[in-house]
Amino acid sequence: MFWPAAGFLIAVIFASFYAWALHRYVMHRPLGKFRYPFEAHTLIHHHVFRADETYHLINPKDAQTIPMAWWNGPVLVLLGLLPFVAIAG
């Protein structure tokens, strides 16, 4: 029971760090010519949702600025799995 619990704890800590680093270093800064995350998140999403009373959805039309492109989720999950695949391989 120890190893599954340790693996779960390591995965949760890694996922938290991964999400934080991705948000801070990829979504809030352009990465050379790869500007998609920065433009989609910072310039569009944070134009509507800021760290004030607009943090929560007020206007239902603004919900359109929340969804990601269909391929974003699978790509982010696969990138997050790479360190575990490297360790396992």
N, C-alpha and C. Protein backbone atom coordinates (compact mmCIF):
# COMPACT_ATOMS: atom_id res chain seq x y z
N MET A 1 0.82 -1.20 0.00
CA MET A 1 0.00 0.00 0.00
C MET A 1 0.86 1.27 0.00
N PHE A 2 2.09 1.15 0.47
CA PHE A 2 2.96 2.30 0.55
C PHE A 2 3.28 2.86 -0.83
N TRP A 3 3.71 2.01 -1.78
CA TRP A 3 4.15 2.49 -3.08
C TRP A 3 3.03 3.12 -3.90
N PRO A 4 1.83 2.54 -3.92
CA PRO A 4 0.75 3.25 -4.64
C PRO A 4 0.45 4.62 -4.03
N ALA A 5 0.47 4.70 -2.70
CA ALA A 5 0.21 5.99 -2.04
C ALA A 5 1.34 6.98 -2.34
N ALA A 6 2.59 6.50 -2.31
CA ALA A 6 3.72 7.38 -2.62
C ALA A 6 3.65 7.85 -4.07
N GLY A 7 3.31 6.93 -4.98
CA GLY A 7 3.18 7.30 -6.39
C GLY A 7 2.09 8.33 -6.61
N PHE A 8 0.97 8.14 -5.92
CA PHE A 8 -0.13 9.09 -6.03
C PHE A 8 0.29 10.47 -5.51
N LEU A 9 0.96 10.50 -4.37
CA LEU A 9 1.41 11.77 -3.80
C LEU A 9 2.40 12.47 -4.72
N ILE A 10 3.34 11.73 -5.28
CA ILE A 10 4.30 12.31 -6.21
C ILE A 10 3.60 12.85 -7.44
N ALA A 11 2.62 12.11 -7.96
CA ALA A 11 1.89 12.56 -9.14
C ALA A 11 1.09 13.83 -8.86
N VAL A 12 0.48 13.93 -7.69
CA VAL A 12 -0.29 15.14 -7.34
C VAL A 12 0.64 16.34 -7.21
N ILE A 13 1.78 16.14 -6.55
CA ILE A 13 2.74 17.25 -6.40
C ILE A 13 3.27 17.67 -7.76
N PHE A 14 3.61 16.69 -8.60
CA PHE A 14 4.10 17.01 -9.94
C PHE A 14 3.04 17.75 -10.76
N ALA A 15 1.79 17.28 -10.71
CA ALA A 15 0.71 17.90 -11.48
C ALA A 15 0.49 19.34 -11.03
N SER A 16 0.59 19.60 -9.74
CA SER A 16 0.43 20.96 -9.24
C SER A 16 1.55 21.86 -9.75
N PHE A 17 2.80 21.37 -9.66
CA PHE A 17 3.93 22.14 -10.15
C PHE A 17 3.84 22.34 -11.66
N TYR A 18 3.46 21.30 -12.38
CA TYR A 18 3.32 21.36 -13.84
C TYR A 18 2.29 22.42 -14.24
N ALA A 19 1.14 22.41 -13.60
CA ALA A 19 0.09 23.39 -13.92
C ALA A 19 0.54 24.81 -13.61
N TRP A 20 1.20 24.98 -12.46
CA TRP A 20 1.70 26.31 -12.09
C TRP A 20 2.75 26.80 -13.08
N ALA A 21 3.72 25.96 -13.40
CA ALA A 21 4.80 26.35 -14.32
C ALA A 21 4.25 26.63 -15.72
N LEU A 22 3.34 25.79 -16.18
CA LEU A 22 2.74 26.01 -17.49
C LEU A 22 2.00 27.34 -17.53
N HIS A 23 1.24 27.60 -16.49
CA HIS A 23 0.47 28.85 -16.45
C HIS A 23 1.39 30.06 -16.36
N ARG A 24 2.40 30.00 -15.52
CA ARG A 24 3.26 31.16 -15.31
C ARG A 24 4.22 31.40 -16.48
N TYR A 25 4.85 30.34 -16.98
CA TYR A 25 5.93 30.52 -17.95
C TYR A 25 5.52 30.33 -19.41
N VAL A 26 4.41 29.67 -19.66
CA VAL A 26 3.99 29.45 -21.05
C VAL A 26 2.78 30.31 -21.42
N MET A 27 1.81 30.39 -20.52
CA MET A 27 0.58 31.10 -20.85
C MET A 27 0.68 32.60 -20.62
N HIS A 28 1.66 33.06 -19.89
CA HIS A 28 1.78 34.49 -19.60
C HIS A 28 2.97 35.14 -20.28
N ARG A 29 3.68 34.39 -21.11
CA ARG A 29 4.83 34.94 -21.84
C ARG A 29 4.89 34.31 -23.22
N PRO A 30 5.16 35.10 -24.25
CA PRO A 30 5.34 34.48 -25.57
C PRO A 30 6.64 33.68 -25.59
N LEU A 31 6.60 32.51 -26.20
CA LEU A 31 7.79 31.66 -26.32
C LEU A 31 8.33 31.75 -27.74
N GLY A 32 9.08 32.78 -28.01
CA GLY A 32 9.62 32.97 -29.35
C GLY A 32 8.49 33.13 -30.37
N LYS A 33 8.52 32.30 -31.39
CA LYS A 33 7.48 32.35 -32.42
C LYS A 33 6.22 31.58 -32.01
N PHE A 34 6.31 30.78 -30.94
CA PHE A 34 5.16 30.02 -30.45
C PHE A 34 4.37 30.90 -29.50
N ARG A 35 3.43 31.66 -30.05
CA ARG A 35 2.70 32.65 -29.29
C ARG A 35 1.26 32.22 -28.96
N TYR A 36 0.83 31.06 -29.44
CA TYR A 36 -0.56 30.64 -29.25
C TYR A 36 -1.01 30.65 -27.78
N PRO A 37 -0.27 29.99 -26.86
CA PRO A 37 -0.77 29.99 -25.47
C PRO A 37 -0.86 31.40 -24.89
N PHE A 38 0.14 32.22 -25.16
CA PHE A 38 0.15 33.58 -24.63
C PHE A 38 -1.02 34.38 -25.18
N GLU A 39 -1.24 34.32 -26.49
CA GLU A 39 -2.33 35.10 -27.10
C GLU A 39 -3.69 34.60 -26.66
N ALA A 40 -3.87 33.28 -26.62
CA ALA A 40 -5.18 32.73 -26.26
C ALA A 40 -5.49 32.95 -24.79
N HIS A 41 -4.48 32.87 -23.94
CA HIS A 41 -4.76 32.97 -22.51
C HIS A 41 -4.65 34.41 -22.00
N THR A 42 -3.50 35.00 -22.15
CA THR A 42 -3.28 36.32 -21.55
C THR A 42 -4.02 37.42 -22.29
N LEU A 43 -3.88 37.46 -23.60
CA LEU A 43 -4.46 38.58 -24.35
C LEU A 43 -5.97 38.46 -24.50
N ILE A 44 -6.50 37.25 -24.56
CA ILE A 44 -7.95 37.09 -24.75
C ILE A 44 -8.64 36.81 -23.41
N HIS A 45 -8.22 35.75 -22.74
CA HIS A 45 -8.89 35.33 -21.51
C HIS A 45 -8.75 36.39 -20.40
N HIS A 46 -7.53 36.87 -20.16
CA HIS A 46 -7.33 37.84 -19.09
C HIS A 46 -7.77 39.26 -19.47
N HIS A 47 -8.11 39.45 -20.70
CA HIS A 47 -8.72 40.73 -21.07
C HIS A 47 -10.11 40.84 -20.45
N VAL A 48 -10.77 39.69 -20.29
CA VAL A 48 -12.12 39.66 -19.71
C VAL A 48 -12.07 39.36 -18.22
N PHE A 49 -11.27 38.36 -17.84
CA PHE A 49 -11.21 37.91 -16.44
C PHE A 49 -9.92 38.42 -15.80
N ARG A 50 -10.09 39.28 -14.81
CA ARG A 50 -8.94 39.87 -14.12
C ARG A 50 -8.98 39.46 -12.65
N ALA A 51 -8.02 39.95 -11.88
CA ALA A 51 -7.95 39.63 -10.45
C ALA A 51 -8.75 40.63 -9.63
N ASP A 52 -9.96 40.92 -10.06
CA ASP A 52 -10.84 41.81 -9.32
C ASP A 52 -12.24 41.20 -9.33
N GLU A 53 -13.27 42.02 -9.31
CA GLU A 53 -14.64 41.48 -9.31
C GLU A 53 -14.99 40.77 -10.61
N THR A 54 -14.20 40.97 -11.68
CA THR A 54 -14.46 40.28 -12.96
C THR A 54 -13.83 38.89 -12.99
N TYR A 55 -13.21 38.46 -11.87
CA TYR A 55 -12.57 37.13 -11.83
C TYR A 55 -13.60 36.04 -12.09
N HIS A 56 -14.81 36.21 -11.60
CA HIS A 56 -15.88 35.24 -11.81
C HIS A 56 -16.73 35.67 -13.00
N LEU A 57 -17.34 34.70 -13.63
CA LEU A 57 -18.17 34.95 -14.81
C LEU A 57 -19.35 35.84 -14.43
N ILE A 58 -19.44 36.99 -15.07
CA ILE A 58 -20.54 37.92 -14.83
C ILE A 58 -21.46 37.94 -16.04
N ASN A 59 -20.89 38.13 -17.21
CA ASN A 59 -21.65 38.18 -18.45
C ASN A 59 -21.60 36.79 -19.12
N PRO A 60 -22.75 36.14 -19.34
CA PRO A 60 -22.75 34.81 -19.94
C PRO A 60 -22.03 34.74 -21.30
N LYS A 61 -22.01 35.85 -22.04
CA LYS A 61 -21.30 35.85 -23.32
C LYS A 61 -19.80 35.65 -23.14
N ASP A 62 -19.27 36.03 -21.97
CA ASP A 62 -17.84 35.88 -21.72
C ASP A 62 -17.42 34.43 -21.53
N ALA A 63 -18.36 33.53 -21.37
CA ALA A 63 -18.03 32.11 -21.23
C ALA A 63 -17.31 31.59 -22.47
N GLN A 64 -17.49 32.26 -23.59
CA GLN A 64 -16.83 31.84 -24.83
C GLN A 64 -15.32 32.05 -24.77
N THR A 65 -14.82 32.85 -23.84
CA THR A 65 -13.38 33.07 -23.75
C THR A 65 -12.71 32.04 -22.85
N ILE A 66 -13.48 31.16 -22.23
CA ILE A 66 -12.92 30.16 -21.31
C ILE A 66 -12.46 28.89 -22.03
N PRO A 67 -13.24 28.30 -22.93
CA PRO A 67 -12.86 27.00 -23.50
C PRO A 67 -11.53 27.04 -24.27
N MET A 68 -10.84 25.90 -24.23
CA MET A 68 -9.60 25.74 -24.98
C MET A 68 -9.92 25.09 -26.32
N ALA A 69 -8.97 25.11 -27.23
CA ALA A 69 -9.11 24.37 -28.48
C ALA A 69 -9.18 22.88 -28.14
N TRP A 70 -9.80 22.10 -29.00
CA TRP A 70 -10.03 20.68 -28.73
C TRP A 70 -8.74 19.91 -28.46
N TRP A 71 -7.65 20.33 -29.03
CA TRP A 71 -6.40 19.58 -28.93
C TRP A 71 -5.56 19.99 -27.73
N ASN A 72 -5.91 21.07 -27.05
CA ASN A 72 -5.09 21.56 -25.92
C ASN A 72 -5.02 20.56 -24.77
N GLY A 73 -6.15 20.01 -24.38
CA GLY A 73 -6.17 19.06 -23.26
C GLY A 73 -5.29 17.84 -23.49
N PRO A 74 -5.50 17.11 -24.61
CA PRO A 74 -4.65 15.94 -24.85
C PRO A 74 -3.17 16.27 -24.95
N VAL A 75 -2.82 17.38 -25.57
CA VAL A 75 -1.40 17.76 -25.68
C VAL A 75 -0.82 18.05 -24.31
N LEU A 76 -1.54 18.76 -23.46
CA LEU A 76 -1.04 19.08 -22.13
C LEU A 76 -0.88 17.83 -21.28
N VAL A 77 -1.81 16.89 -21.39
CA VAL A 77 -1.70 15.64 -20.64
C VAL A 77 -0.50 14.84 -21.12
N LEU A 78 -0.34 14.72 -22.43
CA LEU A 78 0.80 13.97 -22.97
C LEU A 78 2.13 14.60 -22.57
N LEU A 79 2.23 15.91 -22.62
CA LEU A 79 3.45 16.58 -22.19
C LEU A 79 3.73 16.34 -20.70
N GLY A 80 2.68 16.33 -19.91
CA GLY A 80 2.84 16.08 -18.48
C GLY A 80 3.23 14.65 -18.17
N LEU A 81 2.91 13.72 -19.05
CA LEU A 81 3.26 12.32 -18.85
C LEU A 81 4.69 12.00 -19.25
N LEU A 82 5.31 12.84 -20.05
CA LEU A 82 6.66 12.56 -20.56
C LEU A 82 7.68 12.23 -19.47
N PRO A 83 7.75 12.98 -18.38
CA PRO A 83 8.73 12.60 -17.34
C PRO A 83 8.47 11.21 -16.75
N PHE A 84 7.20 10.84 -16.58
CA PHE A 84 6.88 9.52 -16.03
C PHE A 84 7.20 8.42 -17.02
N VAL A 85 6.98 8.67 -18.29
CA VAL A 85 7.33 7.70 -19.33
C VAL A 85 8.85 7.53 -19.38
N ALA A 86 9.58 8.63 -19.27
CA ALA A 86 11.04 8.55 -19.27
C ALA A 86 11.56 7.76 -18.07
N ILE A 87 10.98 7.97 -16.92
CA ILE A 87 11.40 7.24 -15.71
C ILE A 87 11.07 5.76 -15.83
N ALA A 88 9.89 5.47 -16.37
CA ALA A 88 9.44 4.07 -16.48
C ALA A 88 10.22 3.31 -17.55
N GLY A 89 10.70 4.03 -18.57
CA GLY A 89 11.35 3.38 -19.72
C GLY A 89 12.77 3.14 -19.44
